[in-house]
């Protein structure tokens, strides 16, 4: 499992996903299932920029 935490607007989530993709490619790993998000600080409509989300990606090393 690789995990990252992002703070901010949901429309910026693709930036984190791209970084995870680069990390996996650099290490020769690949996704092993769907990702999930855990809201550590749930979004508030008036303060969406303060949302804190942990994104979890199950991974499998190549050749395993």
PDB file of N, CA and C in Angstrom:
ATOM      1  N   UNK A   1       0.858  -1.168   0.000  1.00  0.00           N
ATOM      2  CA  UNK A   1       0.000   0.000   0.000  1.00  0.00           C
ATOM      3  C   UNK A   1       0.900   1.225   0.000  1.00  0.00           C
ATOM      4  N   UNK A   2       0.610   2.130  -0.886  1.00  0.00           N
ATOM      5  CA  UNK A   2       1.270   3.429  -0.833  1.00  0.00           C
ATOM      6  C   UNK A   2       0.197   4.453  -0.477  1.00  0.00           C
ATOM      7  N   UNK A   3       0.553   5.389   0.368  1.00  0.00           N
ATOM      8  CA  UNK A   3      -0.409   6.337   0.918  1.00  0.00           C
ATOM      9  C   UNK A   3       0.153   7.739   0.797  1.00  0.00           C
ATOM     10  N   UNK A   4      -0.721   8.687   0.484  1.00  0.00           N
ATOM     11  CA  UNK A   4      -0.323  10.083   0.502  1.00  0.00           C
ATOM     12  C   UNK A   4      -1.465  10.896   1.113  1.00  0.00           C
ATOM     13  N   UNK A   5      -1.112  12.044   1.612  1.00  0.00           N
ATOM     14  CA  UNK A   5      -2.096  12.944   2.212  1.00  0.00           C
ATOM     15  C   UNK A   5      -2.065  14.240   1.416  1.00  0.00           C
ATOM     16  N   UNK A   6      -3.252  14.696   1.049  1.00  0.00           N
ATOM     17  CA  UNK A   6      -3.329  15.967   0.333  1.00  0.00           C
ATOM     18  C   UNK A   6      -4.206  16.929   1.119  1.00  0.00           C
ATOM     19  N   UNK A   7      -3.839  18.183   1.046  1.00  0.00           N
ATOM     20  CA  UNK A   7      -4.604  19.262   1.672  1.00  0.00           C
ATOM     21  C   UNK A   7      -5.051  20.182   0.561  1.00  0.00           C
ATOM     22  N   UNK A   8      -6.325  20.488   0.539  1.00  0.00           N
ATOM     23  CA  UNK A   8      -6.777  21.444  -0.450  1.00  0.00           C
ATOM     24  C   UNK A   8      -7.989  21.014  -1.238  1.00  0.00           C
ATOM     25  N   UNK A   9      -8.173  21.721  -2.338  1.00  0.00           N
ATOM     26  CA  UNK A   9      -9.363  21.571  -3.166  1.00  0.00           C
ATOM     27  C   UNK A   9      -9.406  20.223  -3.872  1.00  0.00           C
ATOM     28  N   UNK A  10     -10.583  19.620  -3.985  1.00  0.00           N
ATOM     29  CA  UNK A  10     -10.692  18.320  -4.649  1.00  0.00           C
ATOM     30  C   UNK A  10     -10.281  18.359  -6.120  1.00  0.00           C
ATOM     31  N   UNK A  11     -10.414  19.496  -6.768  1.00  0.00           N
ATOM     32  CA  UNK A  11     -10.032  19.566  -8.184  1.00  0.00           C
ATOM     33  C   UNK A  11      -8.521  19.477  -8.394  1.00  0.00           C
ATOM     34  N   UNK A  12      -7.751  19.483  -7.303  1.00  0.00           N
ATOM     35  CA  UNK A  12      -6.305  19.319  -7.400  1.00  0.00           C
ATOM     36  C   UNK A  12      -5.864  17.886  -7.098  1.00  0.00           C
ATOM     37  N   UNK A  13      -6.800  16.985  -6.856  1.00  0.00           N
ATOM     38  CA  UNK A  13      -6.468  15.594  -6.505  1.00  0.00           C
ATOM     39  C   UNK A  13      -5.679  14.899  -7.612  1.00  0.00           C
ATOM     40  N   UNK A  14      -5.909  15.272  -8.862  1.00  0.00           N
ATOM     41  CA  UNK A  14      -5.196  14.626  -9.972  1.00  0.00           C
ATOM     42  C   UNK A  14      -3.687  14.853  -9.888  1.00  0.00           C
ATOM     43  N   UNK A  15      -3.265  15.937  -9.242  1.00  0.00           N
ATOM     44  CA  UNK A  15      -1.838  16.207  -9.099  1.00  0.00           C
ATOM     45  C   UNK A  15      -1.181  15.157  -8.209  1.00  0.00           C
ATOM     46  N   UNK A  16      -1.883  14.764  -7.145  1.00  0.00           N
ATOM     47  CA  UNK A  16      -1.371  13.729  -6.242  1.00  0.00           C
ATOM     48  C   UNK A  16      -1.354  12.384  -6.955  1.00  0.00           C
ATOM     49  N   UNK A  17      -2.418  12.087  -7.682  1.00  0.00           N
ATOM     50  CA  UNK A  17      -2.493  10.824  -8.400  1.00  0.00           C
ATOM     51  C   UNK A  17      -1.355  10.706  -9.410  1.00  0.00           C
ATOM     52  N   UNK A  18      -1.032  11.777 -10.085  1.00  0.00           N
ATOM     53  CA  UNK A  18       0.077  11.768 -11.046  1.00  0.00           C
ATOM     54  C   UNK A  18       1.407  11.489 -10.348  1.00  0.00           C
ATOM     55  N   UNK A  19       1.610  12.064  -9.172  1.00  0.00           N
ATOM     56  CA  UNK A  19       2.852  11.826  -8.429  1.00  0.00           C
ATOM     57  C   UNK A  19       2.950  10.364  -8.000  1.00  0.00           C
ATOM     58  N   UNK A  20       1.839   9.776  -7.602  1.00  0.00           N
ATOM     59  CA  UNK A  20       1.842   8.363  -7.228  1.00  0.00           C
ATOM     60  C   UNK A  20       2.200   7.513  -8.450  1.00  0.00           C
ATOM     61  N   UNK A  21       1.645   7.855  -9.602  1.00  0.00           N
ATOM     62  CA  UNK A  21       1.973   7.130 -10.829  1.00  0.00           C
ATOM     63  C   UNK A  21       3.456   7.186 -11.139  1.00  0.00           C
ATOM     64  N   UNK A  22       4.057   8.335 -10.973  1.00  0.00           N
ATOM     65  CA  UNK A  22       5.501   8.488 -11.204  1.00  0.00           C
ATOM     66  C   UNK A  22       6.299   7.658 -10.200  1.00  0.00           C
ATOM     67  N   UNK A  23       5.864   7.655  -8.963  1.00  0.00           N
ATOM     68  CA  UNK A  23       6.521   6.866  -7.916  1.00  0.00           C
ATOM     69  C   UNK A  23       6.472   5.379  -8.262  1.00  0.00           C
ATOM     70  N   UNK A  24       5.306   4.900  -8.663  1.00  0.00           N
ATOM     71  CA  UNK A  24       5.158   3.486  -9.012  1.00  0.00           C
ATOM     72  C   UNK A  24       6.033   3.120 -10.204  1.00  0.00           C
ATOM     73  N   UNK A  25       6.032   3.960 -11.222  1.00  0.00           N
ATOM     74  CA  UNK A  25       6.836   3.698 -12.413  1.00  0.00           C
ATOM     75  C   UNK A  25       8.335   3.667 -12.077  1.00  0.00           C
ATOM     76  N   UNK A  26       8.778   4.572 -11.237  1.00  0.00           N
ATOM     77  CA  UNK A  26      10.188   4.637 -10.868  1.00  0.00           C
ATOM     78  C   UNK A  26      10.632   3.418 -10.067  1.00  0.00           C
ATOM     79  N   UNK A  27       9.695   2.812  -9.327  1.00  0.00           N
ATOM     80  CA  UNK A  27      10.025   1.658  -8.495  1.00  0.00           C
ATOM     81  C   UNK A  27       9.657   0.329  -9.140  1.00  0.00           C
ATOM     82  N   UNK A  28       9.072   0.366 -10.336  1.00  0.00           N
ATOM     83  CA  UNK A  28       8.698  -0.866 -11.019  1.00  0.00           C
ATOM     84  C   UNK A  28       7.480  -1.550 -10.438  1.00  0.00           C
ATOM     85  N   UNK A  29       6.667  -0.834  -9.703  1.00  0.00           N
ATOM     86  CA  UNK A  29       5.467  -1.395  -9.091  1.00  0.00           C
ATOM     87  C   UNK A  29       4.240  -1.053  -9.933  1.00  0.00           C
ATOM     88  N   UNK A  30       3.104  -1.659  -9.606  1.00  0.00           N
ATOM     89  CA  UNK A  30       1.855  -1.305 -10.290  1.00  0.00           C
ATOM     90  C   UNK A  30       0.688  -1.404  -9.308  1.00  0.00           C
ATOM     91  N   UNK A  31      -0.418  -0.787  -9.692  1.00  0.00           N
ATOM     92  CA  UNK A  31      -1.614  -0.810  -8.845  1.00  0.00           C
ATOM     93  C   UNK A  31      -2.162  -2.227  -8.757  1.00  0.00           C
ATOM     94  N   UNK A  32      -2.675  -2.582  -7.584  1.00  0.00           N
ATOM     95  CA  UNK A  32      -3.190  -3.928  -7.352  1.00  0.00           C
ATOM     96  C   UNK A  32      -4.675  -3.898  -6.994  1.00  0.00           C
ATOM     97  N   UNK A  33      -5.343  -2.816  -7.297  1.00  0.00           N
ATOM     98  CA  UNK A  33      -6.762  -2.697  -6.972  1.00  0.00           C
ATOM     99  C   UNK A  33      -7.169  -1.234  -6.934  1.00  0.00           C
ATOM    100  N   UNK A  34      -8.420  -0.981  -6.594  1.00  0.00           N
ATOM    101  CA  UNK A  34      -8.894   0.400  -6.571  1.00  0.00           C
ATOM    102  C   UNK A  34      -8.320   1.185  -5.388  1.00  0.00           C
ATOM    103  N   UNK A  35      -8.202   2.481  -5.595  1.00  0.00           N
ATOM    104  CA  UNK A  35      -7.754   3.356  -4.506  1.00  0.00           C
ATOM    105  C   UNK A  35      -8.951   3.716  -3.633  1.00  0.00           C
ATOM    106  N   UNK A  36      -8.658   4.293  -2.488  1.00  0.00           N
ATOM    107  CA  UNK A  36      -9.733   4.806  -1.630  1.00  0.00           C
ATOM    108  C   UNK A  36      -9.251   6.064  -0.944  1.00  0.00           C
ATOM    109  N   UNK A  37     -10.215   6.870  -0.528  1.00  0.00           N
ATOM    110  CA  UNK A  37      -9.914   8.131   0.147  1.00  0.00           C
ATOM    111  C   UNK A  37     -10.508   8.116   1.541  1.00  0.00           C
ATOM    112  N   UNK A  38      -9.728   8.585   2.506  1.00  0.00           N
ATOM    113  CA  UNK A  38     -10.175   8.717   3.880  1.00  0.00           C
ATOM    114  C   UNK A  38     -10.100  10.203   4.227  1.00  0.00           C
ATOM    115  N   UNK A  39     -11.220  10.778   4.594  1.00  0.00           N
ATOM    116  CA  UNK A  39     -11.258  12.199   4.912  1.00  0.00           C
ATOM    117  C   UNK A  39     -10.816  12.413   6.354  1.00  0.00           C
ATOM    118  N   UNK A  40      -9.630  12.982   6.527  1.00  0.00           N
ATOM    119  CA  UNK A  40      -9.101  13.275   7.855  1.00  0.00           C
ATOM    120  C   UNK A  40      -9.682  14.578   8.390  1.00  0.00           C
ATOM    121  N   UNK A  41      -9.909  15.520   7.493  1.00  0.00           N
ATOM    122  CA  UNK A  41     -10.602  16.778   7.798  1.00  0.00           C
ATOM    123  C   UNK A  41     -11.635  16.940   6.692  1.00  0.00           C
ATOM    124  N   UNK A  42     -12.888  16.540   6.967  1.00  0.00           N
ATOM    125  CA  UNK A  42     -13.905  16.581   5.913  1.00  0.00           C
ATOM    126  C   UNK A  42     -14.061  17.976   5.316  1.00  0.00           C
ATOM    127  N   UNK A  43     -14.391  18.020   4.032  1.00  0.00           N
ATOM    128  CA  UNK A  43     -14.566  19.324   3.386  1.00  0.00           C
ATOM    129  C   UNK A  43     -15.777  20.078   3.929  1.00  0.00           C
ATOM    130  N   UNK A  44     -15.626  21.359   4.028  1.00  0.00           N
ATOM    131  CA  UNK A  44     -16.689  22.270   4.421  1.00  0.00           C
ATOM    132  C   UNK A  44     -16.892  23.192   3.218  1.00  0.00           C
ATOM    133  N   UNK A  45     -18.111  23.371   2.788  1.00  0.00           N
ATOM    134  CA  UNK A  45     -18.367  24.156   1.576  1.00  0.00           C
ATOM    135  C   UNK A  45     -17.749  25.551   1.616  1.00  0.00           C
ATOM    136  N   UNK A  46     -17.639  26.129   2.800  1.00  0.00           N
ATOM    137  CA  UNK A  46     -17.065  27.467   2.925  1.00  0.00           C
ATOM    138  C   UNK A  46     -15.538  27.462   3.017  1.00  0.00           C
ATOM    139  N   UNK A  47     -14.948  26.270   3.280  1.00  0.00           N
ATOM    140  CA  UNK A  47     -13.492  26.187   3.457  1.00  0.00           C
ATOM    141  C   UNK A  47     -12.941  24.922   2.800  1.00  0.00           C
ATOM    142  N   UNK A  48     -13.287  24.715   1.548  1.00  0.00           N
ATOM    143  CA  UNK A  48     -12.860  23.518   0.833  1.00  0.00           C
ATOM    144  C   UNK A  48     -11.337  23.407   0.752  1.00  0.00           C
ATOM    145  N   UNK A  49     -10.653  24.532   0.749  1.00  0.00           N
ATOM    146  CA  UNK A  49      -9.194  24.540   0.650  1.00  0.00           C
ATOM    147  C   UNK A  49      -8.524  23.947   1.892  1.00  0.00           C
ATOM    148  N   UNK A  50      -9.283  23.731   2.973  1.00  0.00           N
ATOM    149  CA  UNK A  50      -8.736  23.174   4.208  1.00  0.00           C
ATOM    150  C   UNK A  50      -8.992  21.671   4.348  1.00  0.00           C
ATOM    151  N   UNK A  51      -9.629  21.055   3.384  1.00  0.00           N
ATOM    152  CA  UNK A  51      -9.903  19.621   3.451  1.00  0.00           C
ATOM    153  C   UNK A  51      -8.582  18.840   3.470  1.00  0.00           C
ATOM    154  N   UNK A  52      -8.537  17.782   4.284  1.00  0.00           N
ATOM    155  CA  UNK A  52      -7.356  16.916   4.369  1.00  0.00           C
ATOM    156  C   UNK A  52      -7.817  15.495   4.053  1.00  0.00           C
ATOM    157  N   UNK A  53      -7.217  14.914   3.020  1.00  0.00           N
ATOM    158  CA  UNK A  53      -7.642  13.602   2.546  1.00  0.00           C
ATOM    159  C   UNK A  53      -6.428  12.682   2.439  1.00  0.00           C
ATOM    160  N   UNK A  54      -6.549  11.478   3.005  1.00  0.00           N
ATOM    161  CA  UNK A  54      -5.529  10.452   2.821  1.00  0.00           C
ATOM    162  C   UNK A  54      -5.981   9.574   1.660  1.00  0.00           C
ATOM    163  N   UNK A  55      -5.122   9.419   0.659  1.00  0.00           N
ATOM    164  CA  UNK A  55      -5.444   8.597  -0.499  1.00  0.00           C
ATOM    165  C   UNK A  55      -4.570   7.350  -0.424  1.00  0.00           C
ATOM    166  N   UNK A  56      -5.214   6.177  -0.486  1.00  0.00           N
ATOM    167  CA  UNK A  56      -4.523   4.902  -0.337  1.00  0.00           C
ATOM    168  C   UNK A  56      -4.590   4.126  -1.646  1.00  0.00           C
ATOM    169  N   UNK A  57      -3.427   3.636  -2.085  1.00  0.00           N
ATOM    170  CA  UNK A  57      -3.321   2.878  -3.325  1.00  0.00           C
ATOM    171  C   UNK A  57      -2.706   1.515  -3.017  1.00  0.00           C
ATOM    172  N   UNK A  58      -3.440   0.422  -3.229  1.00  0.00           N
ATOM    173  CA  UNK A  58      -2.817  -0.895  -3.053  1.00  0.00           C
ATOM    174  C   UNK A  58      -1.854  -1.143  -4.214  1.00  0.00           C
ATOM    175  N   UNK A  59      -0.663  -1.601  -3.894  1.00  0.00           N
ATOM    176  CA  UNK A  59       0.335  -1.832  -4.947  1.00  0.00           C
ATOM    177  C   UNK A  59       0.890  -3.253  -4.860  1.00  0.00           C
ATOM    178  N   UNK A  60       1.473  -3.678  -5.961  1.00  0.00           N
ATOM    179  CA  UNK A  60       2.152  -4.953  -6.026  1.00  0.00           C
ATOM    180  C   UNK A  60       3.451  -4.743  -6.777  1.00  0.00           C
ATOM    181  N   UNK A  61       4.522  -5.263  -6.189  1.00  0.00           N
ATOM    182  CA  UNK A  61       5.827  -5.148  -6.852  1.00  0.00           C
ATOM    183  C   UNK A  61       5.824  -6.014  -8.108  1.00  0.00           C
ATOM    184  N   UNK A  62       6.455  -5.544  -9.154  1.00  0.00           N
ATOM    185  CA  UNK A  62       6.554  -6.324 -10.390  1.00  0.00           C
ATOM    186  C   UNK A  62       7.309  -7.622 -10.107  1.00  0.00           C
ATOM    187  N   UNK A  63       6.808  -8.680 -10.691  1.00  0.00           N
ATOM    188  CA  UNK A  63       7.468  -9.974 -10.534  1.00  0.00           C
ATOM    189  C   UNK A  63       7.023 -10.754  -9.312  1.00  0.00           C
ATOM    190  N   UNK A  64       6.110 -10.205  -8.532  1.00  0.00           N
ATOM    191  CA  UNK A  64       5.622 -10.927  -7.345  1.00  0.00           C
ATOM    192  C   UNK A  64       4.304 -11.605  -7.648  1.00  0.00           C
TER     193      UNK A  64
END
